Amino acid sequence: MKGIIKGLGVTLKSMTQKKITYAYPEVPIKMPDRFRGIQHFDPEKCIVCNQCARICPTECITLTGKANPDPEKKGKVIDTYDINFEICILCDLCTEVCPTEAIVMTNNFELSSYSRDDLFKNLEWLNENNQNIRQENNSAMPKGGAKKDV
């Protein structure tokens, strides 16, 4: 009998609390500024250094380049850039290591699909994924440029 009264007390207490249900598909959820979502890739900034593919712990990034067709310009131009989101853990290491910031994280997180083949994204798709690109939190940086201790 004591257990039933205790259980009813918990139920009545939770009935009076504010509800925290979201109307998710109709109303998008506001993600925090530092949320790590799907990457955006800018091929014009890429210098084909392959650092993103080398640092990836799941080896889900494939990057290939070819020699620059313009003989006056040195370096390579990007040929293909693919990410397999089936195994990507969104660890943000590829964006941290990129010297030209060609890869940036967004707040997009909706990758659900009925087919695993749809989780393999190419250069064009990653370039068009430019909505909700996260902005660095400027309030954490004082005027001197050094980070504040938090």
Protein backbone atom coordinates (compact mmCIF):
# COMPACT_ATOMS: atom_id res chain seq x y z
CA MET A 1 0.00 0.00 0.00
CA LYS A 2 2.86 2.34 0.81
CA GLY A 3 4.32 1.75 -2.68
CA ILE A 4 1.06 2.68 -4.42
CA ILE A 5 0.78 5.94 -2.52
CA LYS A 6 4.41 6.75 -3.25
CA GLY A 7 3.87 6.03 -6.97
CA LEU A 8 0.73 8.18 -7.10
CA GLY A 9 2.68 10.99 -5.42
CA VAL A 10 5.32 10.85 -8.16
CA THR A 11 2.60 10.85 -10.83
CA LEU A 12 0.75 13.84 -9.35
CA LYS A 13 4.02 15.75 -8.97
CA SER A 14 4.97 15.20 -12.62
CA MET A 15 1.47 16.22 -13.80
CA THR A 16 1.91 19.69 -12.33
CA GLN A 17 5.34 20.34 -13.85
CA LYS A 18 5.82 22.25 -17.10
CA LYS A 19 5.74 20.08 -20.22
CA ILE A 20 8.91 19.97 -22.36
CA THR A 21 7.57 18.36 -25.51
CA TYR A 22 8.72 19.79 -28.86
CA ALA A 23 6.64 20.02 -32.03
CA TYR A 24 9.76 18.89 -33.89
CA PRO A 25 8.92 18.38 -37.54
CA GLU A 26 6.81 21.53 -37.71
CA VAL A 27 9.02 23.68 -35.47
CA PRO A 28 12.79 23.17 -35.92
CA ILE A 29 14.85 22.70 -32.80
CA LYS A 30 17.35 25.50 -32.06
CA MET A 31 20.72 23.85 -31.61
CA PRO A 32 23.55 25.37 -29.51
CA ASP A 33 26.22 27.45 -31.27
CA ARG A 34 28.93 24.80 -30.88
CA PHE A 35 26.76 21.89 -32.04
CA ARG A 36 28.64 19.59 -34.42
CA GLY A 37 26.37 18.81 -37.33
CA ILE A 38 26.90 17.87 -40.96
CA GLN A 39 29.94 19.40 -42.66
CA HIS A 40 29.90 22.09 -45.35
CA PHE A 41 32.73 21.89 -47.87
CA ASP A 42 33.97 24.81 -49.99
CA PRO A 43 35.98 23.34 -52.91
CA GLU A 44 37.40 26.73 -53.91
CA LYS A 45 39.32 26.96 -50.63
CA CYS A 46 40.63 23.38 -50.70
CA ILE A 47 44.34 22.94 -51.47
CA VAL A 48 44.13 19.10 -51.51
CA CYS A 49 46.49 18.68 -48.57
CA ASN A 50 44.68 15.47 -47.54
CA GLN A 51 44.98 16.31 -43.84
CA CYS A 52 41.24 15.82 -43.29
CA ALA A 53 41.33 12.32 -44.74
CA ARG A 54 44.44 11.39 -42.72
CA ILE A 55 43.12 12.58 -39.35
CA CYS A 56 39.66 11.00 -39.73
CA PRO A 57 39.42 8.19 -37.14
CA THR A 58 36.80 6.26 -39.13
CA GLU A 59 38.43 6.87 -42.54
CA CYS A 60 35.10 8.00 -44.00
CA ILE A 61 36.60 10.85 -46.08
CA THR A 62 38.01 10.24 -49.55
CA LEU A 63 39.78 13.15 -51.21
CA THR A 64 41.50 13.09 -54.58
CA GLY A 65 43.15 15.85 -56.52
CA LYS A 66 44.86 16.33 -59.83
CA ALA A 67 47.62 18.60 -61.05
CA ASN A 68 46.56 22.14 -61.76
CA PRO A 69 45.83 22.54 -65.49
CA ASP A 70 47.24 26.08 -65.38
CA PRO A 71 51.05 25.64 -65.59
CA GLU A 72 51.67 29.01 -63.93
CA LYS A 73 49.85 27.99 -60.75
CA LYS A 74 51.42 25.45 -58.43
CA GLY A 75 49.60 22.84 -56.43
CA LYS A 76 46.59 20.67 -57.09
CA VAL A 77 42.92 21.18 -57.77
CA ILE A 78 40.28 19.05 -56.15
CA ASP A 79 38.84 16.21 -58.18
CA THR A 80 36.58 14.37 -55.73
CA TYR A 81 35.63 14.81 -52.09
CA ASP A 82 33.27 12.26 -50.54
CA ILE A 83 32.10 11.56 -47.01
CA ASN A 84 30.39 8.37 -45.94
CA PHE A 85 27.99 9.53 -43.22
CA GLU A 86 27.13 5.94 -42.43
CA ILE A 87 30.35 5.74 -40.43
CA CYS A 88 31.13 9.43 -39.79
CA ILE A 89 31.04 10.24 -36.07
CA LEU A 90 30.97 14.04 -36.54
CA CYS A 91 34.04 14.41 -34.36
CA ASP A 92 35.04 17.81 -35.85
CA LEU A 93 38.68 16.74 -36.35
CA CYS A 94 38.53 17.35 -40.11
CA THR A 95 37.50 20.97 -39.57
CA GLU A 96 40.12 21.58 -36.89
CA VAL A 97 43.01 20.38 -39.06
CA CYS A 98 42.00 22.13 -42.31
CA PRO A 99 44.49 24.98 -42.91
CA THR A 100 42.21 26.92 -45.29
CA GLU A 101 38.93 26.30 -43.43
CA ALA A 102 37.43 24.64 -46.50
CA ILE A 103 35.49 22.32 -44.16
CA VAL A 104 33.20 23.86 -41.56
CA MET A 105 30.55 22.33 -39.35
CA THR A 106 26.89 23.33 -39.63
CA ASN A 107 23.95 22.98 -37.28
CA ASN A 108 22.21 20.61 -39.70
CA PHE A 109 21.68 17.17 -38.24
CA GLU A 110 18.92 15.64 -40.32
CA LEU A 111 20.42 12.79 -42.33
CA SER A 112 17.77 10.15 -41.83
CA SER A 113 17.24 7.93 -44.83
CA TYR A 114 15.70 4.62 -45.79
CA SER A 115 18.74 3.62 -47.83
CA ARG A 116 22.38 3.43 -46.78
CA ASP A 117 23.40 4.60 -50.23
CA ASP A 118 21.85 8.00 -49.48
CA LEU A 119 24.34 8.51 -46.65
CA PHE A 120 27.27 8.65 -49.08
CA LYS A 121 27.61 12.38 -49.91
CA ASN A 122 29.74 13.83 -52.69
CA LEU A 123 31.43 17.16 -53.39
CA GLU A 124 28.35 18.85 -54.89
CA TRP A 125 26.05 17.89 -52.02
CA LEU A 126 28.54 19.03 -49.39
CA ASN A 127 29.05 22.33 -51.18
CA GLU A 128 25.30 22.99 -51.29
CA ASN A 129 24.96 22.18 -47.58
CA ASN A 130 25.52 25.77 -46.52
CA GLN A 131 22.50 26.44 -44.33
CA ASN A 132 23.05 27.09 -40.64
CA ILE A 133 26.83 27.27 -40.79
CA ARG A 134 27.86 27.69 -37.19
CA GLN A 135 29.49 30.93 -36.15
CA GLU A 136 32.29 30.93 -33.63
CA ASN A 137 31.22 32.29 -30.29
CA ASN A 138 32.69 35.81 -30.38
CA SER A 139 31.63 36.56 -26.81
CA ALA A 140 34.25 34.09 -25.55
CA MET A 141 37.04 36.05 -27.23
CA PRO A 142 38.08 39.27 -25.46
CA LYS A 143 39.51 42.18 -27.45
CA GLY A 144 43.10 41.03 -26.93
CA GLY A 145 42.46 37.81 -28.86
CA ALA A 146 43.23 35.35 -26.07
CA LYS A 147 40.57 32.95 -24.91
CA LYS A 148 38.86 33.56 -21.59
CA ASP A 149 39.10 30.91 -18.91
CA VAL A 150 35.71 29.35 -18.43
